[in-house]
N, C-alpha and C. Protein backbone atom coordinates (compact mmCIF):
# COMPACT_ATOMS: atom_id res chain seq x y z
N MET A 1 2.81 -22.37 -92.19
CA MET A 1 3.67 -21.31 -93.17
C MET A 1 4.58 -20.60 -92.68
N LYS A 2 3.75 -19.59 -92.15
CA LYS A 2 4.51 -18.57 -91.38
C LYS A 2 5.66 -19.06 -90.53
N ARG A 3 5.27 -19.79 -90.05
CA ARG A 3 6.39 -20.24 -88.88
C ARG A 3 7.40 -20.64 -89.22
N LEU A 4 7.37 -21.32 -90.53
CA LEU A 4 8.01 -22.03 -90.85
C LEU A 4 8.85 -21.59 -91.64
N ILE A 5 8.74 -20.50 -91.98
CA ILE A 5 9.50 -19.22 -92.97
C ILE A 5 10.44 -18.68 -91.91
N PHE A 6 9.59 -18.50 -90.49
CA PHE A 6 9.97 -17.72 -90.02
C PHE A 6 11.22 -18.64 -89.06
N PHE A 7 11.25 -19.76 -88.94
CA PHE A 7 12.10 -20.92 -88.57
C PHE A 7 13.74 -20.68 -89.48
N LEU A 8 12.68 -21.35 -90.56
CA LEU A 8 14.13 -21.16 -92.17
C LEU A 8 15.06 -20.28 -92.28
N ALA A 9 14.07 -19.29 -92.47
CA ALA A 9 15.08 -18.09 -92.42
C ALA A 9 16.18 -17.54 -91.83
N PRO A 10 15.98 -17.26 -90.26
CA PRO A 10 17.32 -17.76 -89.93
C PRO A 10 18.47 -18.20 -89.38
N THR A 11 17.36 -19.81 -89.67
CA THR A 11 18.63 -21.12 -90.01
C THR A 11 19.52 -20.63 -91.29
N ALA A 12 19.16 -20.40 -92.19
CA ALA A 12 19.73 -20.46 -93.52
C ALA A 12 20.90 -19.13 -93.26
N ILE A 13 20.08 -18.15 -92.50
CA ILE A 13 21.91 -17.08 -92.22
C ILE A 13 22.75 -17.47 -91.90
N ILE A 14 22.21 -18.02 -90.43
CA ILE A 14 22.68 -18.65 -89.61
C ILE A 14 23.88 -19.64 -90.36
N MET A 15 23.30 -20.94 -91.17
CA MET A 15 23.97 -21.62 -91.32
C MET A 15 25.02 -21.25 -93.21
N TRP A 16 24.60 -20.50 -93.17
CA TRP A 16 25.54 -19.11 -94.75
C TRP A 16 26.79 -19.05 -93.99
N HIS A 17 26.06 -18.06 -92.91
CA HIS A 17 27.40 -17.17 -92.00
C HIS A 17 28.44 -18.49 -91.46
N LEU A 18 28.08 -19.67 -90.57
CA LEU A 18 28.96 -21.08 -90.19
C LEU A 18 29.70 -21.38 -91.69
N LEU A 19 28.95 -21.42 -92.73
CA LEU A 19 29.96 -21.90 -94.22
C LEU A 19 30.71 -21.00 -94.87
N LEU A 20 30.42 -19.84 -94.23
CA LEU A 20 31.55 -18.54 -94.77
C LEU A 20 32.94 -18.78 -94.30
N CYS A 21 32.77 -18.62 -92.92
CA CYS A 21 33.52 -18.69 -91.48
C CYS A 21 34.82 -20.09 -91.56
N ALA A 22 33.85 -21.11 -91.97
CA ALA A 22 34.88 -22.59 -92.05
C ALA A 22 35.52 -22.36 -93.62
N MET A 23 35.32 -21.89 -94.24
CA MET A 23 35.68 -21.66 -95.48
C MET A 23 36.91 -20.94 -95.06
N THR A 24 37.03 -19.77 -94.46
CA THR A 24 37.91 -19.17 -94.39
C THR A 24 39.48 -19.59 -94.28
N PRO A 25 40.70 -19.97 -95.20
CA PRO A 25 41.94 -20.14 -94.53
C PRO A 25 42.78 -19.80 -93.19
N THR A 26 42.99 -20.77 -92.59
CA THR A 26 43.92 -20.55 -91.29
C THR A 26 45.20 -20.57 -90.97
N VAL A 27 45.60 -20.79 -92.45
CA VAL A 27 47.24 -20.53 -92.11
C VAL A 27 47.55 -19.93 -93.56
N VAL A 28 48.26 -18.98 -93.65
CA VAL A 28 49.09 -18.53 -94.74
C VAL A 28 50.70 -18.35 -94.60
N CYS A 29 51.35 -18.64 -95.49
CA CYS A 29 52.90 -18.49 -95.78
C CYS A 29 53.14 -17.21 -96.23
N PHE A 30 54.28 -17.24 -95.89
CA PHE A 30 55.08 -16.16 -96.64
C PHE A 30 56.11 -16.54 -97.48
N ASP A 31 56.85 -17.25 -97.38
CA ASP A 31 58.04 -18.22 -97.65
C ASP A 31 57.35 -19.39 -98.05
N GLU A 32 57.28 -19.83 -99.62
CA GLU A 32 56.77 -20.78 -99.85
C GLU A 32 58.17 -22.04 -99.89
N GLN A 33 58.82 -22.04 -99.57
CA GLN A 33 59.99 -23.43 -99.39
C GLN A 33 59.89 -23.85 -98.12
N ASN A 34 60.46 -23.43 -96.64
CA ASN A 34 59.61 -23.84 -95.52
C ASN A 34 58.81 -23.14 -94.98
N CYS A 35 58.13 -22.09 -94.85
CA CYS A 35 57.06 -21.91 -93.96
C CYS A 35 57.69 -21.35 -92.78
N ARG A 36 59.01 -20.70 -92.56
CA ARG A 36 59.39 -19.98 -91.26
C ARG A 36 58.23 -18.81 -90.61
N SER A 37 58.28 -17.89 -91.73
CA SER A 37 56.93 -17.07 -91.43
C SER A 37 55.38 -17.15 -91.97
N PHE A 38 54.89 -17.36 -91.08
CA PHE A 38 53.23 -17.44 -91.50
C PHE A 38 52.00 -16.95 -90.59
N VAL A 39 51.10 -16.82 -91.14
CA VAL A 39 49.85 -16.12 -90.12
C VAL A 39 48.75 -17.00 -89.98
N THR A 40 48.58 -16.89 -88.75
CA THR A 40 47.07 -18.41 -88.17
C THR A 40 46.14 -17.50 -88.37
N ASN A 41 44.85 -17.74 -88.16
CA ASN A 41 43.39 -16.90 -88.26
C ASN A 41 42.49 -17.55 -88.01
N ASN A 42 41.90 -17.25 -87.02
CA ASN A 42 40.92 -17.73 -86.21
C ASN A 42 39.70 -16.73 -85.86
N ILE A 43 38.68 -17.30 -86.37
CA ILE A 43 37.03 -16.76 -86.44
C ILE A 43 36.82 -16.97 -85.67
N ASN A 44 35.76 -16.27 -84.45
CA ASN A 44 34.85 -17.09 -83.46
C ASN A 44 33.54 -16.64 -84.42
N PRO A 45 32.59 -17.51 -85.10
CA PRO A 45 31.60 -17.27 -85.94
C PRO A 45 30.52 -16.56 -84.86
N LEU A 46 30.00 -16.52 -83.58
CA LEU A 46 29.22 -15.90 -83.34
C LEU A 46 29.40 -14.58 -82.76
N THR A 47 30.48 -13.92 -82.42
CA THR A 47 30.69 -12.67 -81.87
C THR A 47 31.53 -11.94 -83.38
N ASP A 48 31.89 -12.73 -84.35
CA ASP A 48 32.78 -12.13 -85.78
C ASP A 48 33.65 -11.63 -85.26
N HIS A 49 34.37 -12.19 -84.09
CA HIS A 49 35.85 -11.14 -83.91
C HIS A 49 37.26 -12.20 -84.17
N MET A 50 38.09 -11.35 -85.09
CA MET A 50 39.18 -12.50 -86.08
C MET A 50 40.24 -12.17 -85.40
N THR A 51 40.88 -13.06 -84.76
CA THR A 51 42.59 -13.08 -84.26
C THR A 51 42.92 -13.55 -85.22
N ILE A 52 44.31 -12.57 -85.38
CA ILE A 52 45.23 -12.60 -86.50
C ILE A 52 46.44 -12.85 -85.51
N ARG A 53 47.22 -14.05 -85.80
CA ARG A 53 48.70 -14.17 -85.11
C ARG A 53 49.76 -14.38 -85.98
N ILE A 54 50.84 -13.56 -86.13
CA ILE A 54 51.54 -13.65 -87.21
C ILE A 54 53.04 -14.31 -86.03
N HIS A 55 53.62 -15.17 -86.94
CA HIS A 55 54.77 -16.26 -86.64
C HIS A 55 55.62 -16.27 -87.46
N GLU A 56 56.84 -15.28 -86.84
CA GLU A 56 57.98 -15.33 -87.66
C GLU A 56 59.35 -16.07 -86.84
N PRO A 57 60.09 -15.77 -87.85
CA PRO A 57 61.73 -16.32 -87.16
C PRO A 57 62.16 -15.43 -86.03
N VAL A 58 62.96 -16.05 -85.30
CA VAL A 58 63.36 -15.45 -83.87
C VAL A 58 64.60 -14.15 -84.80
N SER A 59 65.52 -13.03 -84.33
CA SER A 59 66.46 -12.48 -84.82
C SER A 59 67.05 -11.58 -83.56
N GLN A 60 68.52 -11.83 -83.54
CA GLN A 60 69.25 -10.85 -82.53
C GLN A 60 69.08 -9.90 -83.61
N ASN A 61 68.84 -8.60 -82.65
CA ASN A 61 68.35 -7.17 -83.03
C ASN A 61 69.00 -6.10 -81.70
N SER A 62 70.15 -4.95 -81.97
CA SER A 62 70.45 -4.25 -80.92
C SER A 62 69.51 -3.34 -80.38
N ASP A 63 69.76 -2.83 -79.29
CA ASP A 63 68.87 -1.94 -78.81
C ASP A 63 68.20 -1.02 -79.21
N ASP A 64 69.33 -0.41 -80.54
CA ASP A 64 68.53 0.55 -81.40
C ASP A 64 67.58 0.24 -82.51
N ASP A 65 67.98 -0.98 -82.74
CA ASP A 65 66.42 -1.28 -83.82
C ASP A 65 65.57 -1.89 -82.92
N GLU A 66 65.47 -2.46 -81.50
CA GLU A 66 64.45 -2.86 -81.02
C GLU A 66 63.05 -1.32 -80.46
N VAL A 67 63.83 -0.35 -80.46
CA VAL A 67 63.19 1.13 -80.13
C VAL A 67 62.37 1.25 -81.63
N PHE A 68 63.18 1.06 -82.79
CA PHE A 68 62.70 1.20 -84.08
C PHE A 68 61.58 0.02 -84.14
N LEU A 69 61.59 -0.66 -84.06
CA LEU A 69 60.65 -2.26 -84.58
C LEU A 69 59.57 -1.90 -83.46
N ALA A 70 59.59 -1.39 -81.77
CA ALA A 70 58.50 -1.10 -81.25
C ALA A 70 57.68 -0.42 -81.60
N SER A 71 58.12 0.98 -82.35
CA SER A 71 57.15 1.71 -82.52
C SER A 71 56.71 1.68 -83.95
N PHE A 72 57.47 0.74 -85.13
CA PHE A 72 56.98 0.19 -86.27
C PHE A 72 55.98 -0.94 -85.72
N LYS A 73 56.00 -1.83 -84.94
CA LYS A 73 55.11 -2.52 -85.13
C LYS A 73 53.47 -2.21 -84.31
N SER A 74 54.12 -0.98 -83.37
CA SER A 74 52.61 -0.57 -83.09
C SER A 74 51.60 0.34 -84.54
N GLY A 75 52.35 0.92 -84.79
CA GLY A 75 51.40 1.37 -85.71
C GLY A 75 51.19 0.18 -87.42
N PHE A 76 52.17 -0.65 -87.11
CA PHE A 76 51.85 -1.50 -88.11
C PHE A 76 50.39 -2.42 -87.50
N GLU A 77 50.14 -2.41 -86.21
CA GLU A 77 49.08 -3.28 -85.73
C GLU A 77 47.75 -2.67 -86.31
N PHE A 78 48.38 -1.72 -85.83
CA PHE A 78 46.79 0.08 -85.85
C PHE A 78 46.25 -0.33 -87.44
N GLY A 79 47.33 0.04 -88.47
CA GLY A 79 47.04 -0.04 -89.80
C GLY A 79 46.48 -1.26 -90.11
N PHE A 80 47.00 -2.60 -89.72
CA PHE A 80 46.53 -3.65 -90.28
C PHE A 80 45.04 -4.25 -89.55
N SER A 81 45.43 -3.69 -88.38
CA SER A 81 43.75 -4.11 -87.98
C SER A 81 42.47 -3.63 -88.79
N VAL A 82 42.91 -2.05 -89.05
CA VAL A 82 41.79 -1.82 -89.95
C VAL A 82 41.24 -1.93 -91.15
N VAL A 83 42.40 -2.57 -91.59
CA VAL A 83 42.44 -2.98 -92.84
C VAL A 83 41.49 -4.05 -93.65
N ALA A 84 42.08 -4.84 -91.87
CA ALA A 84 41.43 -6.32 -91.88
C ALA A 84 40.16 -6.40 -91.70
N GLU A 85 39.48 -5.50 -90.91
CA GLU A 85 37.89 -5.07 -90.31
C GLU A 85 37.54 -4.82 -91.77
N ASN A 86 37.95 -4.24 -92.50
CA ASN A 86 37.48 -3.84 -93.73
C ASN A 86 37.40 -4.22 -94.87
N ARG A 87 38.51 -4.93 -94.79
CA ARG A 87 38.35 -6.12 -95.73
C ARG A 87 37.28 -7.08 -95.49
N ALA A 88 37.32 -7.63 -94.19
CA ALA A 88 36.43 -8.77 -93.73
C ALA A 88 34.89 -8.69 -93.78
N ASN A 89 34.80 -7.36 -93.91
CA ASN A 89 33.22 -6.71 -93.83
C ASN A 89 32.83 -6.64 -95.08
N ARG A 90 33.96 -6.07 -96.05
CA ARG A 90 33.50 -5.84 -98.07
C ARG A 90 33.48 -7.21 -98.15
N ILE A 91 34.11 -8.49 -97.56
CA ILE A 91 33.48 -9.85 -98.14
C ILE A 91 32.30 -10.09 -97.49
N ALA A 92 32.26 -10.18 -96.66
CA ALA A 92 30.96 -10.31 -96.12
C ALA A 92 29.84 -9.29 -96.82
N HIS A 93 29.82 -9.00 -97.35
CA HIS A 93 28.73 -7.82 -98.00
C HIS A 93 28.67 -8.43 -99.23
N GLU A 94 30.03 -8.85 -99.92
CA GLU A 94 30.27 -9.50 -101.19
C GLU A 94 29.13 -11.10 -101.71
N ASN A 95 29.81 -11.94 -100.28
CA ASN A 95 28.87 -13.05 -100.55
C ASN A 95 27.72 -12.75 -99.83
N PHE A 96 27.05 -11.74 -99.22
CA PHE A 96 25.95 -11.54 -98.61
C PHE A 96 25.54 -12.80 -97.39
N ASP A 97 26.42 -12.25 -96.41
CA ASP A 97 26.32 -12.93 -95.46
C ASP A 97 25.70 -11.65 -94.40
N LEU A 98 24.19 -12.12 -94.09
CA LEU A 98 23.63 -11.01 -93.67
C LEU A 98 24.04 -11.06 -92.27
N TYR A 99 24.34 -12.45 -91.50
CA TYR A 99 24.91 -12.26 -90.09
C TYR A 99 25.62 -11.22 -89.60
N ALA A 100 27.07 -11.57 -90.84
CA ALA A 100 28.09 -10.73 -90.54
C ALA A 100 27.68 -8.90 -90.87
N MET A 101 27.12 -8.48 -91.44
CA MET A 101 26.30 -7.52 -91.76
C MET A 101 25.68 -6.96 -90.51
N VAL A 102 25.13 -7.62 -90.04
CA VAL A 102 24.30 -6.87 -88.50
C VAL A 102 25.45 -7.08 -87.52
N PHE A 103 26.72 -8.01 -87.48
CA PHE A 103 27.23 -7.70 -86.58
C PHE A 103 28.50 -7.75 -87.32
N PRO A 104 29.50 -6.50 -87.35
CA PRO A 104 30.59 -6.69 -88.37
C PRO A 104 31.99 -7.30 -87.40
N TYR A 105 32.99 -7.61 -88.31
CA TYR A 105 33.81 -8.31 -87.60
C TYR A 105 35.05 -7.01 -87.25
N THR A 106 35.67 -7.38 -85.89
CA THR A 106 36.39 -6.87 -84.86
C THR A 106 37.76 -8.00 -85.62
N VAL A 107 38.93 -7.06 -85.13
CA VAL A 107 40.19 -7.73 -85.96
C VAL A 107 40.93 -7.42 -84.73
N SER A 108 41.58 -8.35 -83.76
CA SER A 108 42.80 -8.18 -83.27
C SER A 108 44.18 -9.32 -83.57
N LEU A 109 45.22 -8.23 -83.47
CA LEU A 109 46.34 -8.74 -83.78
C LEU A 109 47.60 -9.24 -82.80
N GLU A 110 47.89 -10.74 -82.82
CA GLU A 110 48.85 -11.09 -82.14
C GLU A 110 49.90 -11.15 -82.49
N GLY A 111 51.33 -11.69 -81.68
CA GLY A 111 52.34 -11.66 -82.26
C GLY A 111 53.22 -10.72 -82.52
N LEU A 112 53.31 -9.92 -82.63
CA LEU A 112 54.42 -8.53 -82.89
C LEU A 112 55.11 -8.69 -81.98
């Protein structure tokens, strides 16, 4: 009986974690009409590494705008990744995801 419990408990924890990862939305649109600006989200359920890629329409900017945008994007990337990690870990605690509590989420931001 003890062997069965030692087998079922980790299996249930891992299956619950995989279910929660599968329920995470993968594409979020910012503009509802044509979805030109959107975010894709990929989660590796074993390492709890979340990759967020931002897709935005291409725009023509001057050199001064490029310098400003580069500094803004680096600050945004740092701030957004910290907020996303905190939110993912908070949701894991709210849903009693024991696997994610032991191996907390890390976030990387791409596409900026």
